[in-house]
Protein backbone atom coordinates (compact mmCIF):
# COMPACT_ATOMS: atom_id res chain seq x y z
CA MET A 1 -6.10 -0.21 -17.04
CA ASN A 2 -2.47 -0.44 -15.84
CA ASP A 3 -0.04 -2.70 -17.65
CA PRO A 4 -1.28 -6.16 -16.57
CA TYR A 5 2.25 -7.55 -16.56
CA LYS A 6 3.37 -4.81 -14.16
CA VAL A 7 0.36 -5.49 -11.96
CA LEU A 8 1.40 -9.14 -11.66
CA GLY A 9 5.06 -8.21 -11.34
CA ILE A 10 6.24 -10.28 -14.30
CA SER A 11 7.80 -9.77 -17.70
CA PRO A 12 5.72 -9.85 -20.91
CA SER A 13 7.94 -12.77 -21.94
CA ALA A 14 6.90 -14.83 -18.90
CA SER A 15 5.60 -18.32 -19.62
CA ASP A 16 1.97 -19.26 -19.01
CA ALA A 17 3.08 -21.17 -15.94
CA GLU A 18 4.89 -18.11 -14.57
CA VAL A 19 1.83 -15.95 -15.20
CA LYS A 20 -0.36 -18.43 -13.33
CA LYS A 21 2.12 -18.66 -10.44
CA ALA A 22 2.33 -14.87 -10.09
CA TYR A 23 -1.44 -14.60 -10.09
CA ARG A 24 -1.86 -17.29 -7.44
CA GLU A 25 0.68 -15.64 -5.15
CA LEU A 26 -1.01 -12.26 -5.39
CA ALA A 27 -4.47 -13.77 -5.03
CA LYS A 28 -3.33 -15.49 -1.85
CA LYS A 29 -1.80 -12.26 -0.56
CA TYR A 30 -4.84 -10.07 -1.19
CA HIS A 31 -7.68 -12.55 -0.68
CA PRO A 32 -10.59 -10.80 1.10
CA ASP A 33 -10.82 -13.51 3.76
CA LYS A 34 -7.36 -12.56 4.95
CA TYR A 35 -8.50 -9.01 5.72
CA ALA A 36 -11.87 -9.73 7.32
CA ASP A 37 -12.73 -7.03 9.87
CA SER A 38 -9.50 -5.20 8.99
CA PRO A 39 -9.28 -1.49 8.09
CA LEU A 40 -7.31 -2.62 5.04
CA ALA A 41 -10.19 -4.73 3.72
CA GLU A 42 -11.31 -2.17 1.16
CA LEU A 43 -7.76 -1.60 -0.06
CA ALA A 44 -7.16 -5.34 -0.37
CA SER A 45 -10.44 -5.76 -2.25
CA GLU A 46 -9.45 -3.07 -4.76
CA LYS A 47 -6.03 -4.66 -5.23
CA MET A 48 -7.59 -8.09 -5.71
CA LYS A 49 -9.88 -6.65 -8.35
CA GLU A 50 -6.90 -5.13 -10.15
CA VAL A 51 -5.02 -8.44 -10.02
CA ASN A 52 -8.01 -10.37 -11.39
CA GLU A 53 -8.47 -7.92 -14.25
CA ALA A 54 -4.77 -8.07 -15.12
CA TYR A 55 -4.77 -11.86 -15.14
CA GLU A 56 -7.88 -12.03 -17.32
CA LYS A 57 -6.40 -9.45 -19.69
CA ILE A 58 -3.23 -11.47 -20.14
CA LEU A 59 -5.14 -14.71 -20.68
CA ASN A 60 -7.45 -13.10 -23.26
CA ASP A 61 -4.56 -11.45 -25.09
CA ARG A 62 -2.63 -14.68 -25.30
CA LYS A 63 -5.70 -16.59 -26.38
CA ASN A 64 -6.22 -14.09 -29.20
CA GLY A 65 -2.57 -14.11 -30.17
CA VAL A 66 -1.74 -10.67 -28.75
CA SER A 67 1.82 -10.58 -27.41
CA GLY A 68 2.80 -8.39 -24.48
CA SER A 69 5.88 -7.33 -26.42
CA SER A 70 3.92 -6.45 -29.56
CA THR A 71 3.77 -2.81 -30.61
CA SER A 72 0.88 -3.06 -33.04
CA GLY A 73 -2.34 -1.78 -31.54
CA SER A 74 -2.12 -3.50 -28.19
CA GLY A 75 -1.09 -0.43 -26.23
CA TYR A 76 2.18 -2.02 -25.12
CA GLY A 77 5.76 -1.16 -25.94
CA SER A 78 8.84 -3.32 -25.74
CA SER A 79 8.77 -3.10 -21.94
CA GLY A 80 5.01 -3.35 -21.40
CA TYR A 81 3.02 -0.18 -21.92
CA SER A 82 3.86 2.41 -24.54
CA ASP A 83 6.34 5.12 -23.58
CA ALA A 84 3.50 7.59 -23.13
CA GLY A 85 1.68 5.23 -20.79
CA ALA A 86 4.82 4.54 -18.79
CA SER A 87 5.55 8.23 -18.47
CA SER A 88 2.03 8.92 -17.28
CA TYR A 89 2.28 6.13 -14.71
CA ALA A 90 5.64 7.28 -13.41
CA ASN A 91 4.42 10.83 -12.94
CA THR A 92 1.08 10.02 -11.35
CA TYR A 93 2.17 10.77 -7.80
CA GLY A 94 -0.58 9.95 -5.36
CA SER A 95 -2.09 7.17 -7.47
CA ASP A 96 -3.29 4.08 -5.62
CA SER A 97 -0.49 1.95 -7.05
CA VAL A 98 2.20 4.29 -5.70
CA TYR A 99 0.70 4.37 -2.23
CA GLN A 100 0.19 0.60 -2.25
CA GLN A 101 3.91 0.22 -2.81
CA ILE A 102 4.63 2.56 0.09
CA ARG A 103 2.22 0.63 2.32
CA ARG A 104 4.15 -2.53 1.44
CA MET A 105 7.41 -0.83 2.42
CA ILE A 106 5.89 0.07 5.79
CA ASN A 107 4.50 -3.44 6.28
CA GLU A 108 7.99 -4.83 5.65
CA GLY A 109 9.53 -2.41 8.16
CA ASN A 110 11.34 -0.29 5.55
CA PHE A 111 10.38 3.00 7.17
CA GLY A 112 13.30 4.98 5.77
CA GLN A 113 12.54 3.78 2.27
CA ALA A 114 8.87 4.63 2.71
CA GLU A 115 9.71 8.10 4.01
CA ASN A 116 12.02 8.76 1.06
CA ALA A 117 9.33 7.64 -1.38
CA LEU A 118 6.77 9.90 0.25
CA SER A 119 9.19 12.83 0.34
CA GLY A 120 9.72 12.44 -3.39
CA ILE A 121 6.06 13.19 -4.12
CA PRO A 122 5.58 16.87 -5.05
CA SER A 123 3.88 18.96 -2.38
CA ASP A 124 1.03 19.94 -4.70
CA SER A 125 0.21 16.25 -5.23
CA ARG A 126 0.07 15.24 -1.56
CA ASN A 127 -3.41 14.07 -0.65
CA ALA A 128 -4.92 12.65 2.53
CA GLU A 129 -3.33 9.25 1.92
CA TRP A 130 0.09 10.90 1.74
CA TYR A 131 -0.37 12.54 5.15
CA TYR A 132 -1.76 9.36 6.66
CA LEU A 133 1.14 7.20 5.47
CA MET A 134 3.71 9.76 6.57
CA GLY A 135 1.99 9.72 9.94
CA VAL A 136 2.31 5.94 10.04
CA VAL A 137 6.05 6.21 9.27
CA TYR A 138 6.63 8.73 12.05
CA TYR A 139 4.43 6.76 14.42
CA ARG A 140 6.40 3.56 13.84
CA LYS A 141 9.65 5.49 14.30
CA GLY A 142 8.41 6.75 17.66
CA PHE A 143 7.81 10.44 16.81
CA LEU A 144 4.27 10.64 18.13
CA GLU A 145 3.76 14.41 17.99
CA ASP A 146 4.77 14.55 14.35
CA ALA A 147 2.59 11.53 13.63
CA TYR A 148 -0.33 13.20 15.40
CA ASN A 149 -0.05 16.25 13.15
CA TYR A 150 0.07 14.15 9.99
CA PHE A 151 -2.95 12.08 11.06
CA GLN A 152 -4.83 15.24 11.95
CA THR A 153 -4.22 16.67 8.47
CA ALA A 154 -5.25 13.39 6.82
CA CYS A 155 -8.54 13.41 8.72
CA ARG A 156 -9.16 17.05 7.87
CA MET A 157 -8.62 16.34 4.16
CA ASP A 158 -10.70 13.16 4.14
CA PRO A 159 -12.99 13.19 7.21
CA SER A 160 -15.03 10.19 6.03
CA ASN A 161 -12.08 7.76 5.94
CA VAL A 162 -12.56 5.22 8.74
CA GLU A 163 -8.94 4.09 8.76
CA TYR A 164 -7.64 7.64 9.21
CA LYS A 165 -10.17 8.46 11.93
CA SER A 166 -9.44 5.25 13.82
CA MET A 167 -5.71 5.92 13.99
CA PHE A 168 -6.17 9.58 14.86
CA SER A 169 -8.54 8.65 17.67
CA ARG A 170 -6.05 6.16 19.07
CA ILE A 171 -3.14 8.56 19.02
CA GLN A 172 -5.32 11.24 20.62
CA GLN A 173 -6.04 8.81 23.43
CA GLN A 174 -2.36 8.07 23.83
CA ARG A 175 -1.54 11.74 24.08
CA SER A 176 -4.23 12.33 26.70
CA THR A 177 -3.14 9.39 28.85
CA GLY A 178 0.58 9.79 28.27
CA SER A 179 0.89 6.16 27.20
CA GLY A 180 2.91 7.16 24.15
CA SER A 181 5.95 8.10 26.24
CA GLY A 182 7.08 4.48 26.38
CA PHE A 183 7.42 4.09 22.60
CA ASN A 184 10.83 3.35 21.16
CA ALA A 185 12.17 3.91 17.64
CA SER A 186 10.53 0.76 16.27
CA GLY A 187 7.07 1.88 17.40
CA ALA A 188 6.86 -0.77 20.15
CA ALA A 189 5.58 0.29 23.57
CA SER A 190 7.63 -0.74 26.56
CA GLN A 191 4.67 -0.49 28.94
CA ALA A 192 1.65 -0.80 26.67
CA ALA A 193 2.21 -3.86 24.52
CA CYS A 194 -1.48 -4.65 24.10
CA ASP A 195 -2.28 -1.14 22.97
CA CYS A 196 0.51 -1.39 20.46
CA CYS A 197 -0.93 -4.60 19.07
CA ASP A 198 -4.33 -2.98 18.67
CA ILE A 199 -2.82 -0.06 16.81
CA CYS A 200 -0.76 -2.28 14.53
CA ALA A 201 -3.96 -4.02 13.57
CA CYS A 202 -5.19 -0.75 12.13
CA LEU A 203 -2.01 -0.22 10.18
CA MET A 204 -0.79 -3.54 8.93
CA CYS A 205 -2.10 -6.74 7.44
CA SER A 206 -2.36 -9.80 9.65
CA ASP A 207 1.00 -11.31 8.75
CA CYS A 208 2.80 -8.05 9.47
CA LEU A 209 0.92 -7.80 12.77
CA CYS A 210 2.37 -11.12 13.85
CA ARG A 211 5.89 -9.89 13.11
CA SER A 212 5.32 -6.53 14.76
CA CYS A 213 4.02 -8.00 18.00
CA GLY A 214 6.64 -10.74 18.19
């Protein structure tokens, strides 16, 4: 599994109280009840599972006297994982953890940062999730034709993904009705506010939806 300390976003030298606090914050953020009937439910469930496993790993290691900064047999180096593990993680473009970070950038409105992160992924490592998230970035920036093409590619690469199909269907409808012409650079529709809210629901978690819709 990934470095449990990195999963929780804390240092191996964190106190037990800090570990517990970090876990509670992430558990609250990714709790399944928060994403009920949301296209992000599966993603949140996977993240919650990763957080639980990381927390249990840290507790068990500390109970057995295994330090996160130890280099003897635990698989960790001075900064968490061994150098080989860190290198593998850093170069695994397209892994769930990388795309989860990019989704968070989008949820926080950092579209330029998200686009730069996506652009940094080698072309031969770009999967359906890459095309979908790039489509989301362009959609939120108001470039609907570019977004349409990215969503179309994502659906072609992974035709069984409900989230991709839902967004592609919505943008197809916008193109056919011309409702997308009122979108500004922030992705908000000047004449179709309700439609915009519905679409945001497919892209963002509930707290981001509240911010997006004002």
